[in-house]
Amino acid sequence: MPLKKLLGSKATRSLTVISVLSEAKKAFDRGKRTRAIALVAVAALAWKWTVIGMAAQGLLKLVRRGGSASSPT
């Protein structure tokens, strides 16, 4: 399966881990330590299972969008 081969490649795993760690840094810089720690744990898991990292990033985007949409301007 080409998709399984792509998701399992070392380059894809590396990019996923770097991306999740970048999100963790952003969360830590914003003072959200719990979220940052959780994302570091996800990055560790994402090295083995790329889909976990991708799912976590998608969930994070949904949470952010929901939080900004409900705040008054």
C-alpha atoms as a PDB file:
ATOM      1  CA  MET A   1       0.000   0.000   0.000  1.00  0.00           C
ATOM      2  CA  PRO A   2       1.536   3.310  -1.060  1.00  0.00           C
ATOM      3  CA  LEU A   3      -0.181   5.329   1.695  1.00  0.00           C
ATOM      4  CA  LYS A   4       1.078   3.017   4.424  1.00  0.00           C
ATOM      5  CA  LYS A   5       4.571   3.207   2.964  1.00  0.00           C
ATOM      6  CA  LEU A   6       4.417   7.026   2.862  1.00  0.00           C
ATOM      7  CA  LEU A   7       3.110   7.376   6.426  1.00  0.00           C
ATOM      8  CA  GLY A   8       5.719   4.934   7.681  1.00  0.00           C
ATOM      9  CA  SER A   9       8.672   6.633   6.019  1.00  0.00           C
ATOM     10  CA  LYS A  10      11.388   8.166   8.161  1.00  0.00           C
ATOM     11  CA  ALA A  11      10.952  11.568   6.497  1.00  0.00           C
ATOM     12  CA  THR A  12       7.215  11.682   7.227  1.00  0.00           C
ATOM     13  CA  ARG A  13       7.736  10.622  10.830  1.00  0.00           C
ATOM     14  CA  SER A  14      10.446  13.242  11.297  1.00  0.00           C
ATOM     15  CA  LEU A  15       8.284  16.012   9.850  1.00  0.00           C
ATOM     16  CA  THR A  16       5.353  14.984  12.023  1.00  0.00           C
ATOM     17  CA  VAL A  17       7.468  14.977  15.178  1.00  0.00           C
ATOM     18  CA  ILE A  18       9.003  18.370  14.328  1.00  0.00           C
ATOM     19  CA  SER A  19       5.573  19.800  13.627  1.00  0.00           C
ATOM     20  CA  VAL A  20       4.117  18.518  16.915  1.00  0.00           C
ATOM     21  CA  LEU A  21       7.135  19.812  18.862  1.00  0.00           C
ATOM     22  CA  SER A  22       6.653  23.197  17.196  1.00  0.00           C
ATOM     23  CA  GLU A  23       3.050  23.236  18.421  1.00  0.00           C
ATOM     24  CA  ALA A  24       4.282  22.278  21.893  1.00  0.00           C
ATOM     25  CA  LYS A  25       6.661  25.242  21.900  1.00  0.00           C
ATOM     26  CA  LYS A  26       3.871  27.594  20.855  1.00  0.00           C
ATOM     27  CA  ALA A  27       1.660  26.253  23.649  1.00  0.00           C
ATOM     28  CA  PHE A  28       4.452  26.652  26.212  1.00  0.00           C
ATOM     29  CA  ASP A  29       5.145  30.213  25.026  1.00  0.00           C
ATOM     30  CA  ARG A  30       1.444  31.024  25.487  1.00  0.00           C
ATOM     31  CA  GLY A  31       1.568  29.714  29.044  1.00  0.00           C
ATOM     32  CA  LYS A  32      -0.375  26.515  28.368  1.00  0.00           C
ATOM     33  CA  ARG A  33       2.028  24.121  30.079  1.00  0.00           C
ATOM     34  CA  THR A  34      -0.357  21.178  30.310  1.00  0.00           C
ATOM     35  CA  ARG A  35      -1.045  21.311  26.585  1.00  0.00           C
ATOM     36  CA  ALA A  36       2.677  21.653  25.859  1.00  0.00           C
ATOM     37  CA  ILE A  37       3.544  18.609  27.972  1.00  0.00           C
ATOM     38  CA  ALA A  38       0.783  16.601  26.308  1.00  0.00           C
ATOM     39  CA  LEU A  39       2.088  17.570  22.872  1.00  0.00           C
ATOM     40  CA  VAL A  40       5.633  16.521  23.789  1.00  0.00           C
ATOM     41  CA  ALA A  41       4.221  13.129  24.788  1.00  0.00           C
ATOM     42  CA  VAL A  42       2.322  12.973  21.495  1.00  0.00           C
ATOM     43  CA  ALA A  43       5.540  13.806  19.626  1.00  0.00           C
ATOM     44  CA  ALA A  44       7.229  10.843  21.272  1.00  0.00           C
ATOM     45  CA  LEU A  45       4.361   8.584  20.213  1.00  0.00           C
ATOM     46  CA  ALA A  46       4.246  10.137  16.739  1.00  0.00           C
ATOM     47  CA  TRP A  47       7.708   8.788  15.980  1.00  0.00           C
ATOM     48  CA  LYS A  48       6.277   5.284  16.173  1.00  0.00           C
ATOM     49  CA  TRP A  49       2.734   6.035  14.945  1.00  0.00           C
ATOM     50  CA  THR A  50       2.584   8.990  12.539  1.00  0.00           C
ATOM     51  CA  VAL A  51      -1.224   9.012  12.480  1.00  0.00           C
ATOM     52  CA  ILE A  52      -1.307   9.883  16.207  1.00  0.00           C
ATOM     53  CA  GLY A  53       0.647  13.086  15.568  1.00  0.00           C
ATOM     54  CA  MET A  54      -1.553  14.053  12.644  1.00  0.00           C
ATOM     55  CA  ALA A  55      -4.722  13.378  14.626  1.00  0.00           C
ATOM     56  CA  ALA A  56      -3.455  15.429  17.575  1.00  0.00           C
ATOM     57  CA  GLN A  57      -2.699  18.378  15.319  1.00  0.00           C
ATOM     58  CA  GLY A  58      -6.135  18.192  13.742  1.00  0.00           C
ATOM     59  CA  LEU A  59      -7.752  18.072  17.165  1.00  0.00           C
ATOM     60  CA  LEU A  60      -5.665  21.023  18.311  1.00  0.00           C
ATOM     61  CA  LYS A  61      -6.808  23.069  15.322  1.00  0.00           C
ATOM     62  CA  LEU A  62     -10.436  22.252  16.123  1.00  0.00           C
ATOM     63  CA  VAL A  63      -9.960  23.257  19.764  1.00  0.00           C
ATOM     64  CA  ARG A  64      -8.298  26.533  18.798  1.00  0.00           C
ATOM     65  CA  ARG A  65     -10.984  27.383  16.255  1.00  0.00           C
ATOM     66  CA  GLY A  66     -13.726  26.635  18.756  1.00  0.00           C
ATOM     67  CA  GLY A  67     -12.066  28.793  21.431  1.00  0.00           C
ATOM     68  CA  SER A  68     -11.556  31.790  19.162  1.00  0.00           C
ATOM     69  CA  ALA A  69     -15.038  31.611  17.638  1.00  0.00           C
ATOM     70  CA  SER A  70     -16.745  31.767  21.013  1.00  0.00           C
ATOM     71  CA  SER A  71     -14.748  34.694  22.385  1.00  0.00           C
ATOM     72  CA  PRO A  72     -16.329  38.128  21.988  1.00  0.00           C
ATOM     73  CA  THR A  73     -14.664  40.755  19.806  1.00  0.00           C
END
